Amino acid sequence: MTQNSTDTASAHPLPSPKERRRLREAKSLSEAQVAAAVGVTRATVRSWETGRTTPRGRKREAYARLISSGRPNPQATPSSARTKPGAPNTRPKAAVKRAARPTAPKTVARLSKPVTSTKSPSRPPTPVEATGSTVMAPTEPGTTPDLPDSSTMPDPAPAAETAGPTPGGLSPDEAFDALYKHSADALFRQTFLLTGRRNLSRESVARAFALAWERWPEVAVDRDPVGWVRAAAYEYAMSPWHRLRRAHRRLDPPPAEPGPRALLDALLELPPSYRRTLLLYDGVGLDLPETAAETEASTPAAAGRLMNARAAVAERLPELAAGSSPAEQSALLHERLGALALAEPAGSLPSSAVIRTDSERKAQLWTRAAVSFTVLITGLTLFTLGTAPTRHETPESPAQQVGGVPPRGGPQKLTPQDLKLHKQLHGELVRGPARLVPSVG
């Protein structure tokens, strides 16, 4: 089986996940159309394009033939499948960011602890020296703290085994604790920029990590576990149902400084999809295809949301409107979002052990509830089968009084005189001629 899979993979090579998405959009194909052609679901196609899973066997052959054969000429690509002019399509270069930032030297701490990753970073990583649990990033003059991106995610390979120690020497509990320690505070700050509510941000991060521990076999082998948890936290934080909760109806007090307050107000006035796209691209540092994949939109749609979001924020920030190019605007937004995130103190998040314990307890409660409900339904079914009749009996109609029916016909009732005459005739002897009786002979 391994040999067959290897032969299939070598016979039908696939491009990188980003290239798969680009080729599909260049051919003007939607995820639903590719899923129908290959015979899978839309979620499976999205998983292939994000690199979380890889097609195998005949589906790999059909998928490779569909996206690779007859690649269209970029000149002939329809306008709907191309990025709008001036829309960013890559992460801004470090040199551009440094040129757009002030020259005052300072040393700041990164929001998360970078670790070794198998994914190629979209920008040159800052040299980081980590000692124990303290992580400091000596930066060059004029640099600012970065929101954690998927290029600094932990390597999921050591956590592939879910039972017992992993090849890297980490048990599932230790791997989860490392992931929580690495990204929990940064995710809290990011969700605060999305919602403007600290309690909701704290609840969203805890809910996302509890869900990650519940599905740890899936998260452990994911190529971007930080992105998995981030997507879960964003989805929960931006759910419209929170408007019905009294605790989350009002926003928390904004920052005291005018600049951060104006930026936060501008972010919260954006539509949820625009706000999330702007934070992922200019704040977290994802490139445009990754941003589009995480927001479940096409790359041109994500580019349009990003441009509209920048234009709306530029109306509140004059220095952003003065940017001469999208790269300079992105660098300035990256700097301001990082400063605004670090200005928000990390909330009192529960420990990773508490997250794991609560997740396991809830899973046990749901399991017991499901078992109890199943037993109840089974008992009711058996009771019904035991007490139900084996054959159908037509019920008798109850007696009812009917009016308007004519009296019953026939001879009338004899009077006393008639009875007396009847008795007299039967008692006297016959004194007349004998009766003629016919003879048979």
Protein backbone atom coordinates (compact mmCIF):
# COMPACT_ATOMS: atom_id res chain seq x y z
CA MET A 1 0.00 0.00 0.00
CA THR A 2 2.85 2.38 0.79
CA GLN A 3 4.52 1.59 -2.49
CA ASN A 4 1.31 2.19 -4.43
CA SER A 5 0.78 5.52 -2.70
CA THR A 6 4.37 6.52 -3.44
CA ASP A 7 4.06 5.52 -7.07
CA THR A 8 0.80 7.48 -7.41
CA ALA A 9 2.34 10.56 -5.83
CA SER A 10 5.36 10.40 -8.14
CA ALA A 11 3.22 9.77 -11.22
CA HIS A 12 0.85 12.68 -10.43
CA PRO A 13 2.84 15.43 -8.70
CA LEU A 14 0.93 18.33 -7.22
CA PRO A 15 2.02 21.95 -6.84
CA SER A 16 2.20 23.68 -3.49
CA PRO A 17 -1.07 24.48 -1.69
CA LYS A 18 -0.86 28.16 -2.63
CA GLU A 19 -0.21 27.26 -6.26
CA ARG A 20 -3.22 24.90 -6.23
CA ARG A 21 -5.48 27.73 -5.16
CA ARG A 22 -3.94 30.11 -7.72
CA LEU A 23 -4.40 27.60 -10.55
CA ARG A 24 -8.03 26.99 -9.60
CA GLU A 25 -8.82 30.70 -9.51
CA ALA A 26 -6.92 31.24 -12.78
CA LYS A 27 -9.23 28.70 -14.44
CA SER A 28 -12.28 30.48 -12.92
CA LEU A 29 -13.29 27.38 -10.96
CA SER A 30 -15.01 27.51 -7.60
CA GLU A 31 -14.40 25.09 -4.76
CA ALA A 32 -17.82 23.55 -5.35
CA GLN A 33 -17.06 22.92 -9.02
CA VAL A 34 -13.74 21.24 -8.23
CA ALA A 35 -15.39 19.15 -5.51
CA ALA A 36 -18.11 17.99 -7.91
CA ALA A 37 -15.58 17.12 -10.60
CA VAL A 38 -13.30 15.13 -8.27
CA GLY A 39 -16.10 13.59 -6.19
CA VAL A 40 -15.35 15.09 -2.77
CA THR A 41 -16.85 17.77 -0.56
CA ARG A 42 -16.08 21.46 -0.67
CA ALA A 43 -14.39 21.27 2.73
CA THR A 44 -12.00 18.64 1.37
CA VAL A 45 -10.96 20.90 -1.52
CA ARG A 46 -10.37 23.74 0.94
CA SER A 47 -8.25 21.41 3.07
CA TRP A 48 -6.17 20.49 0.01
CA GLU A 49 -5.58 24.14 -0.83
CA THR A 50 -4.52 25.01 2.70
CA GLY A 51 -2.13 22.07 2.85
CA ARG A 52 -3.80 20.33 5.77
CA THR A 53 -4.45 17.19 3.76
CA THR A 54 -3.24 15.78 0.46
CA PRO A 55 -5.33 13.87 -2.10
CA ARG A 56 -4.43 10.25 -2.79
CA GLY A 57 -5.19 7.57 -5.33
CA ARG A 58 -7.64 8.30 -8.10
CA LYS A 59 -8.77 11.53 -6.50
CA ARG A 60 -5.19 12.80 -6.59
CA GLU A 61 -4.96 11.90 -10.27
CA ALA A 62 -8.25 13.63 -11.10
CA TYR A 63 -7.37 16.69 -9.03
CA ALA A 64 -3.91 17.01 -10.57
CA ARG A 65 -5.34 16.68 -14.08
CA LEU A 66 -8.05 19.24 -13.35
CA ILE A 67 -5.83 22.03 -12.01
CA SER A 68 -2.63 21.34 -13.93
CA SER A 69 -3.66 20.36 -17.45
CA GLY A 70 -4.04 23.17 -19.92
CA ARG A 71 -2.81 25.95 -17.69
CA PRO A 72 -4.19 29.18 -19.10
CA ASN A 73 -2.04 32.01 -20.28
CA PRO A 74 -1.86 34.78 -17.63
CA GLN A 75 -2.64 37.29 -20.39
CA ALA A 76 -5.90 35.41 -21.11
CA THR A 77 -6.96 35.11 -17.52
CA PRO A 78 -10.37 36.76 -17.02
CA SER A 79 -10.45 39.98 -15.09
CA SER A 80 -12.58 38.36 -12.37
CA ALA A 81 -9.76 35.94 -11.56
CA ARG A 82 -6.96 38.52 -11.43
CA THR A 83 -6.07 40.71 -8.50
CA LYS A 84 -7.07 44.32 -8.91
CA PRO A 85 -4.31 46.76 -9.87
CA GLY A 86 -2.59 48.08 -6.82
CA ALA A 87 -3.92 45.29 -4.58
CA PRO A 88 -1.22 43.67 -2.48
CA ASN A 89 -0.41 40.11 -3.35
CA THR A 90 2.62 39.44 -1.18
CA ARG A 91 3.85 40.31 2.27
CA PRO A 92 5.62 43.70 2.22
CA LYS A 93 9.39 43.46 2.26
CA ALA A 94 11.29 44.12 5.46
CA ALA A 95 13.24 46.93 3.81
CA VAL A 96 10.07 48.77 2.90
CA LYS A 97 8.71 48.38 6.42
CA ARG A 98 11.91 49.70 7.97
CA ALA A 99 11.95 52.69 5.61
CA ALA A 100 8.38 53.60 6.56
CA ARG A 101 8.97 53.38 10.32
CA PRO A 102 10.57 55.98 12.60
CA THR A 103 14.28 55.72 13.18
CA ALA A 104 14.20 55.78 16.96
CA PRO A 105 16.02 52.65 18.20
CA LYS A 106 14.20 50.50 20.70
CA THR A 107 14.12 46.90 21.88
CA VAL A 108 10.77 45.24 22.46
CA ALA A 109 9.49 41.78 23.29
CA ARG A 110 7.71 39.77 20.63
CA LEU A 111 4.14 38.75 21.28
CA SER A 112 4.92 35.08 20.87
CA LYS A 113 7.83 32.73 21.11
CA PRO A 114 9.12 31.79 17.66
CA VAL A 115 10.03 28.16 17.26
CA THR A 116 11.41 26.08 14.44
CA SER A 117 8.95 25.54 11.60
CA THR A 118 8.87 23.54 8.42
CA LYS A 119 7.06 26.36 6.63
CA SER A 120 9.14 28.91 4.76
CA PRO A 121 8.66 32.36 6.32
CA SER A 122 7.10 35.07 4.21
CA ARG A 123 9.57 37.65 5.53
CA PRO A 124 13.09 37.48 7.00
CA PRO A 125 12.70 36.41 10.65
CA THR A 126 14.03 38.63 13.38
CA PRO A 127 16.91 37.07 15.37
CA VAL A 128 15.43 35.87 18.63
CA GLU A 129 17.24 34.69 21.72
CA ALA A 130 15.05 32.66 24.08
CA THR A 131 16.13 31.72 27.57
CA GLY A 132 13.70 29.59 29.52
CA SER A 133 10.25 31.15 29.46
CA THR A 134 11.50 34.69 28.78
CA VAL A 135 11.58 35.60 25.10
CA MET A 136 13.20 38.83 24.03
CA ALA A 137 13.78 39.93 20.47
CA PRO A 138 16.61 42.41 19.97
CA THR A 139 15.45 44.29 16.90
CA GLU A 140 17.12 46.65 14.55
CA PRO A 141 16.63 50.40 14.91
CA GLY A 142 13.15 51.43 14.01
CA THR A 143 11.55 48.00 14.22
CA THR A 144 8.31 47.29 16.06
CA PRO A 145 6.76 44.21 17.60
CA ASP A 146 5.11 41.78 15.21
CA LEU A 147 1.87 39.97 15.74
CA PRO A 148 2.52 36.22 15.63
CA ASP A 149 2.11 34.76 12.19
CA SER A 150 1.98 31.25 10.86
CA SER A 151 5.68 31.34 10.01
CA THR A 152 6.51 31.09 13.72
CA MET A 153 4.18 28.19 14.40
CA PRO A 154 5.34 25.09 16.26
CA ASP A 155 6.31 22.09 14.22
CA PRO A 156 3.36 19.64 14.28
CA ALA A 157 5.51 16.63 13.44
CA PRO A 158 6.53 15.77 17.04
CA ALA A 159 2.85 15.77 18.06
CA ALA A 160 1.71 13.29 15.44
CA GLU A 161 1.35 10.51 17.99
CA THR A 162 -1.51 11.00 20.42
CA ALA A 163 -0.80 8.11 22.77
CA GLY A 164 2.42 8.03 24.75
CA PRO A 165 5.56 10.07 24.19
CA THR A 166 6.13 11.48 20.73
CA PRO A 167 9.31 11.01 18.70
CA GLY A 168 10.37 14.51 19.76
CA GLY A 169 10.05 13.54 23.43
CA LEU A 170 6.79 15.46 24.07
CA SER A 171 3.61 13.86 25.27
CA PRO A 172 0.25 15.18 24.00
CA ASP A 173 -0.18 17.18 27.22
CA GLU A 174 3.24 18.77 26.88
CA ALA A 175 2.71 19.55 23.19
CA PHE A 176 -0.62 21.21 23.94
CA ASP A 177 0.90 23.19 26.81
CA ALA A 178 3.69 24.38 24.52
CA LEU A 179 1.19 25.50 21.90
CA TYR A 180 -0.89 27.28 24.54
CA LYS A 181 2.12 29.03 26.04
CA HIS A 182 3.31 30.07 22.60
CA SER A 183 0.13 31.63 21.22
CA ALA A 184 -2.50 32.18 23.94
CA ASP A 185 -1.55 35.76 24.89
CA ALA A 186 -1.10 36.81 21.27
CA LEU A 187 -4.50 35.37 20.30
CA PHE A 188 -6.10 37.24 23.20
CA ARG A 189 -4.70 40.54 21.90
CA GLN A 190 -5.78 39.74 18.34
CA THR A 191 -9.34 38.89 19.32
CA PHE A 192 -9.49 42.11 21.34
CA LEU A 193 -8.67 44.04 18.18
CA LEU A 194 -11.54 42.19 16.47
CA THR A 195 -14.16 42.67 19.17
CA GLY A 196 -13.09 45.47 21.53
CA ARG A 197 -14.25 43.32 24.47
CA ARG A 198 -11.76 41.77 26.86
CA ASN A 199 -14.11 39.24 28.46
CA LEU A 200 -15.28 38.01 25.05
CA SER A 201 -11.68 37.75 23.86
CA ARG A 202 -10.72 35.74 26.92
CA GLU A 203 -13.71 33.46 26.46
CA SER A 204 -12.99 33.01 22.75
CA VAL A 205 -9.36 31.98 23.29
CA ALA A 206 -10.30 29.53 26.05
CA ARG A 207 -13.07 28.06 23.89
CA ALA A 208 -10.76 27.69 20.90
CA PHE A 209 -8.06 25.87 22.88
CA ALA A 210 -10.65 23.63 24.54
CA LEU A 211 -11.89 22.68 21.07
CA ALA A 212 -8.29 22.10 19.96
CA TRP A 213 -7.68 19.72 22.87
CA GLU A 214 -10.94 17.93 22.11
CA ARG A 215 -9.73 17.40 18.52
CA TRP A 216 -6.06 17.10 19.34
CA PRO A 217 -5.38 14.14 17.00
CA GLU A 218 -6.43 16.43 14.14
CA VAL A 219 -4.67 19.54 15.42
CA ALA A 220 -1.43 17.71 16.24
CA VAL A 221 -0.82 16.67 12.65
CA ASP A 222 -1.99 19.97 11.17
CA ARG A 223 0.70 21.92 9.32
CA ASP A 224 -0.40 25.13 11.07
CA PRO A 225 -1.80 24.40 14.56
CA VAL A 226 -1.63 28.09 15.49
CA GLY A 227 -3.77 28.92 12.46
CA TRP A 228 -6.23 26.17 13.44
CA VAL A 229 -6.71 27.66 16.91
CA ARG A 230 -6.72 31.22 15.54
CA ALA A 231 -9.53 30.41 13.10
CA ALA A 232 -11.59 28.82 15.87
CA ALA A 233 -11.06 31.82 18.17
CA TYR A 234 -11.97 34.30 15.43
CA GLU A 235 -15.13 32.41 14.48
CA TYR A 236 -16.36 32.31 18.06
CA ALA A 237 -15.41 35.92 18.82
CA MET A 238 -17.18 37.32 15.75
CA SER A 239 -20.37 35.30 16.12
CA PRO A 240 -23.41 37.62 15.84
CA TRP A 241 -25.19 35.74 18.64
CA HIS A 242 -23.04 37.51 21.23
CA ARG A 243 -25.12 40.65 20.66
CA LEU A 244 -27.96 38.98 22.55
CA ARG A 245 -25.81 38.49 25.63
CA ARG A 246 -26.00 41.30 28.14
CA ALA A 247 -22.36 40.93 29.20
CA HIS A 248 -21.06 41.56 25.66
CA ARG A 249 -23.35 44.31 24.44
CA ARG A 250 -21.09 47.23 25.38
CA LEU A 251 -17.51 47.82 24.33
CA ASP A 252 -14.72 48.11 26.87
CA PRO A 253 -13.12 51.53 27.50
CA PRO A 254 -10.81 52.43 24.59
CA PRO A 255 -7.13 53.38 25.04
CA ALA A 256 -6.39 56.80 26.49
CA GLU A 257 -4.07 57.95 23.68
CA PRO A 258 -5.81 59.57 20.70
CA GLY A 259 -3.89 57.60 18.06
CA PRO A 260 -4.59 54.07 19.35
CA ARG A 261 -8.16 55.06 20.17
CA ALA A 262 -8.77 56.28 16.62
CA LEU A 263 -7.27 53.11 15.16
CA LEU A 264 -9.37 50.84 17.38
CA ASP A 265 -12.53 52.80 16.59
CA ALA A 266 -11.77 52.57 12.89
CA LEU A 267 -11.27 48.81 13.15
CA LEU A 268 -14.50 48.24 15.05
CA GLU A 269 -16.48 50.26 12.51
CA LEU A 270 -15.41 47.95 9.68
CA PRO A 271 -17.63 45.02 8.65
CA PRO A 272 -16.54 41.77 10.32
CA SER A 273 -15.11 40.23 7.14
CA TYR A 274 -13.12 43.39 6.29
CA ARG A 275 -11.85 43.67 9.86
CA ARG A 276 -10.67 40.08 9.89
CA THR A 277 -8.97 40.38 6.49
CA LEU A 278 -7.12 43.53 7.53
CA LEU A 279 -5.93 42.00 10.80
CA LEU A 280 -4.73 38.77 9.18
CA TYR A 281 -2.83 40.48 6.36
CA ASP A 282 -1.47 43.67 7.90
CA GLY A 283 -1.45 42.57 11.54
CA VAL A 284 -0.64 38.87 11.70
CA GLY A 285 1.40 38.92 8.51
CA LEU A 286 -0.26 36.29 6.32
CA ASP A 287 0.04 36.67 2.59
CA LEU A 288 -3.00 37.19 0.41
CA PRO A 289 -3.73 33.53 -0.54
CA GLU A 290 -3.44 32.43 3.10
CA THR A 291 -5.69 35.29 4.20
CA ALA A 292 -8.25 34.35 1.57
CA ALA A 293 -8.13 30.70 2.59
CA GLU A 294 -8.62 31.45 6.29
CA THR A 295 -11.51 33.83 5.62
CA GLU A 296 -13.03 31.32 3.14
CA ALA A 297 -13.00 33.80 0.26
CA SER A 298 -11.39 33.94 -3.14
CA THR A 299 -8.11 35.78 -3.55
CA PRO A 300 -9.64 38.66 -5.59
CA ALA A 301 -12.41 39.02 -3.00
CA ALA A 302 -9.86 39.14 -0.16
CA ALA A 303 -7.85 41.77 -2.08
CA GLY A 304 -10.97 43.88 -2.55
CA ARG A 305 -11.86 43.65 1.15
CA LEU A 306 -8.31 44.62 2.09
CA MET A 307 -8.29 47.69 -0.16
CA ASN A 308 -11.70 48.85 1.08
CA ALA A 309 -10.68 48.30 4.71
CA ARG A 310 -7.49 50.32 4.25
CA ALA A 311 -9.44 53.13 2.62
CA ALA A 312 -11.91 53.21 5.52
CA VAL A 313 -9.12 53.24 8.13
CA ALA A 314 -7.22 55.91 6.19
CA GLU A 315 -10.16 58.28 6.67
CA ARG A 316 -9.56 58.13 10.44
CA LEU A 317 -5.74 58.09 10.25
CA PRO A 318 -4.26 60.93 8.17
CA GLU A 319 -0.76 59.48 8.33
CA LEU A 320 -2.03 56.29 6.66
CA ALA A 321 -3.64 58.27 3.85
CA ALA A 322 -0.27 59.95 3.21
CA GLY A 323 1.25 56.58 2.23
CA SER A 324 2.34 56.63 -1.38
CA SER A 325 2.06 52.88 -2.02
CA PRO A 326 0.12 49.91 -0.67
CA ALA A 327 3.39 48.48 0.69
CA GLU A 328 4.02 51.58 2.81
CA GLN A 329 0.43 51.56 4.04
CA SER A 330 0.77 47.91 4.98
CA ALA A 331 4.02 48.58 6.84
CA LEU A 332 2.48 51.48 8.77
CA LEU A 333 -0.62 49.47 9.64
CA HIS A 334 1.57 46.56 10.74
CA GLU A 335 3.44 48.89 13.07
CA ARG A 336 0.32 50.51 14.51
CA LEU A 337 -1.55 47.25 15.00
CA GLY A 338 1.44 45.70 16.75
CA ALA A 339 1.76 48.69 19.09
CA LEU A 340 -2.00 48.67 19.78
CA ALA A 341 -1.92 44.96 20.54
CA LEU A 342 1.02 45.25 22.92
CA ALA A 343 -0.63 48.18 24.67
CA GLU A 344 -3.44 45.85 25.70
CA PRO A 345 -2.30 43.82 28.74
CA ALA A 346 -2.75 40.07 28.50
CA GLY A 347 -5.90 38.98 30.26
CA SER A 348 -6.01 36.54 33.11
CA LEU A 349 -6.29 33.51 30.88
CA PRO A 350 -6.76 30.13 32.57
CA SER A 351 -3.82 27.76 32.59
CA SER A 352 -3.45 25.07 29.98
CA ALA A 353 -4.11 22.39 32.61
CA VAL A 354 -7.45 24.02 33.43
CA ILE A 355 -8.32 24.18 29.73
CA ARG A 356 -7.56 20.49 29.28
CA THR A 357 -9.45 19.48 32.42
CA ASP A 358 -12.55 21.48 31.51
CA SER A 359 -12.51 20.13 27.95
CA GLU A 360 -12.26 16.55 29.17
CA ARG A 361 -15.01 17.11 31.75
CA LYS A 362 -17.36 18.56 29.15
CA ALA A 363 -16.59 15.70 26.80
CA GLN A 364 -17.41 13.21 29.54
CA LEU A 365 -20.66 15.01 30.34
CA TRP A 366 -21.72 15.01 26.71
CA THR A 367 -20.79 11.36 26.39
CA ARG A 368 -22.82 10.42 29.46
CA ALA A 369 -25.76 12.50 28.25
CA ALA A 370 -25.63 10.79 24.86
CA VAL A 371 -25.45 7.34 26.46
CA SER A 372 -28.32 8.15 28.85
CA PHE A 373 -30.46 9.46 26.02
CA THR A 374 -29.73 6.35 23.96
CA VAL A 375 -30.63 4.07 26.88
CA LEU A 376 -33.85 6.03 27.45
CA ILE A 377 -34.89 5.76 23.82
CA THR A 378 -34.06 2.04 23.81
CA GLY A 379 -36.11 1.43 26.96
CA LEU A 380 -39.10 3.31 25.61
CA THR A 381 -38.90 1.37 22.37
CA LEU A 382 -38.82 -1.98 24.19
CA PHE A 383 -41.72 -0.95 26.45
CA THR A 384 -43.77 0.06 23.44
CA LEU A 385 -43.04 -3.22 21.67
CA GLY A 386 -44.04 -5.20 24.78
CA THR A 387 -47.31 -3.42 25.45
CA ALA A 388 -48.54 -2.83 21.91
CA PRO A 389 -51.36 -5.18 20.59
CA THR A 390 -50.34 -7.93 18.21
CA ARG A 391 -53.43 -7.62 15.94
CA HIS A 392 -55.91 -4.97 15.02
CA GLU A 393 -59.39 -5.13 16.56
CA THR A 394 -62.13 -2.93 15.23
CA PRO A 395 -63.68 -1.06 18.15
CA GLU A 396 -67.46 -1.31 18.66
CA SER A 397 -69.42 1.83 18.20
CA PRO A 398 -71.32 2.97 21.30
CA ALA A 399 -75.14 2.85 21.28
CA GLN A 400 -76.89 6.05 20.33
CA GLN A 401 -80.51 7.14 20.43
CA VAL A 402 -81.98 7.77 17.01
CA GLY A 403 -85.13 9.89 16.56
CA GLY A 404 -87.63 10.22 13.70
CA VAL A 405 -87.87 6.47 12.88
CA PRO A 406 -91.46 5.19 11.97
CA PRO A 407 -93.05 2.65 14.31
CA ARG A 408 -92.44 -1.02 13.76
CA GLY A 409 -95.07 -2.70 11.46
CA GLY A 410 -96.99 -6.01 11.98
CA PRO A 411 -100.14 -7.18 13.83
CA GLN A 412 -101.49 -5.01 16.54
CA LYS A 413 -101.38 -6.01 20.16
CA LEU A 414 -104.48 -8.08 21.20
CA THR A 415 -106.93 -6.47 23.54
CA PRO A 416 -108.40 -8.34 26.55
CA GLN A 417 -111.55 -9.02 24.57
CA ASP A 418 -109.58 -10.49 21.70
CA LEU A 419 -107.71 -12.73 24.08
CA LYS A 420 -110.96 -13.94 25.64
CA LEU A 421 -112.45 -14.77 22.25
CA HIS A 422 -109.29 -16.54 21.20
CA LYS A 423 -109.41 -18.73 24.27
CA GLN A 424 -113.06 -19.53 23.76
CA LEU A 425 -112.60 -20.61 20.17
CA HIS A 426 -109.77 -22.93 21.10
CA GLY A 427 -111.75 -24.54 23.92
CA GLU A 428 -115.00 -25.47 22.11
CA LEU A 429 -115.42 -28.58 19.91
CA VAL A 430 -115.91 -28.24 16.24
CA ARG A 431 -119.55 -29.03 15.31
CA GLY A 432 -119.60 -28.70 11.64
CA PRO A 433 -118.88 -30.79 8.56
CA ALA A 434 -115.66 -32.68 8.58
CA ARG A 435 -112.77 -31.23 6.73
CA LEU A 436 -111.82 -32.66 3.39
CA VAL A 437 -108.34 -34.07 3.48
CA PRO A 438 -106.76 -34.83 0.11
CA SER A 439 -105.48 -38.34 -0.29
CA VAL A 440 -102.40 -39.32 -2.19
CA GLY A 441 -102.68 -42.60 -4.03
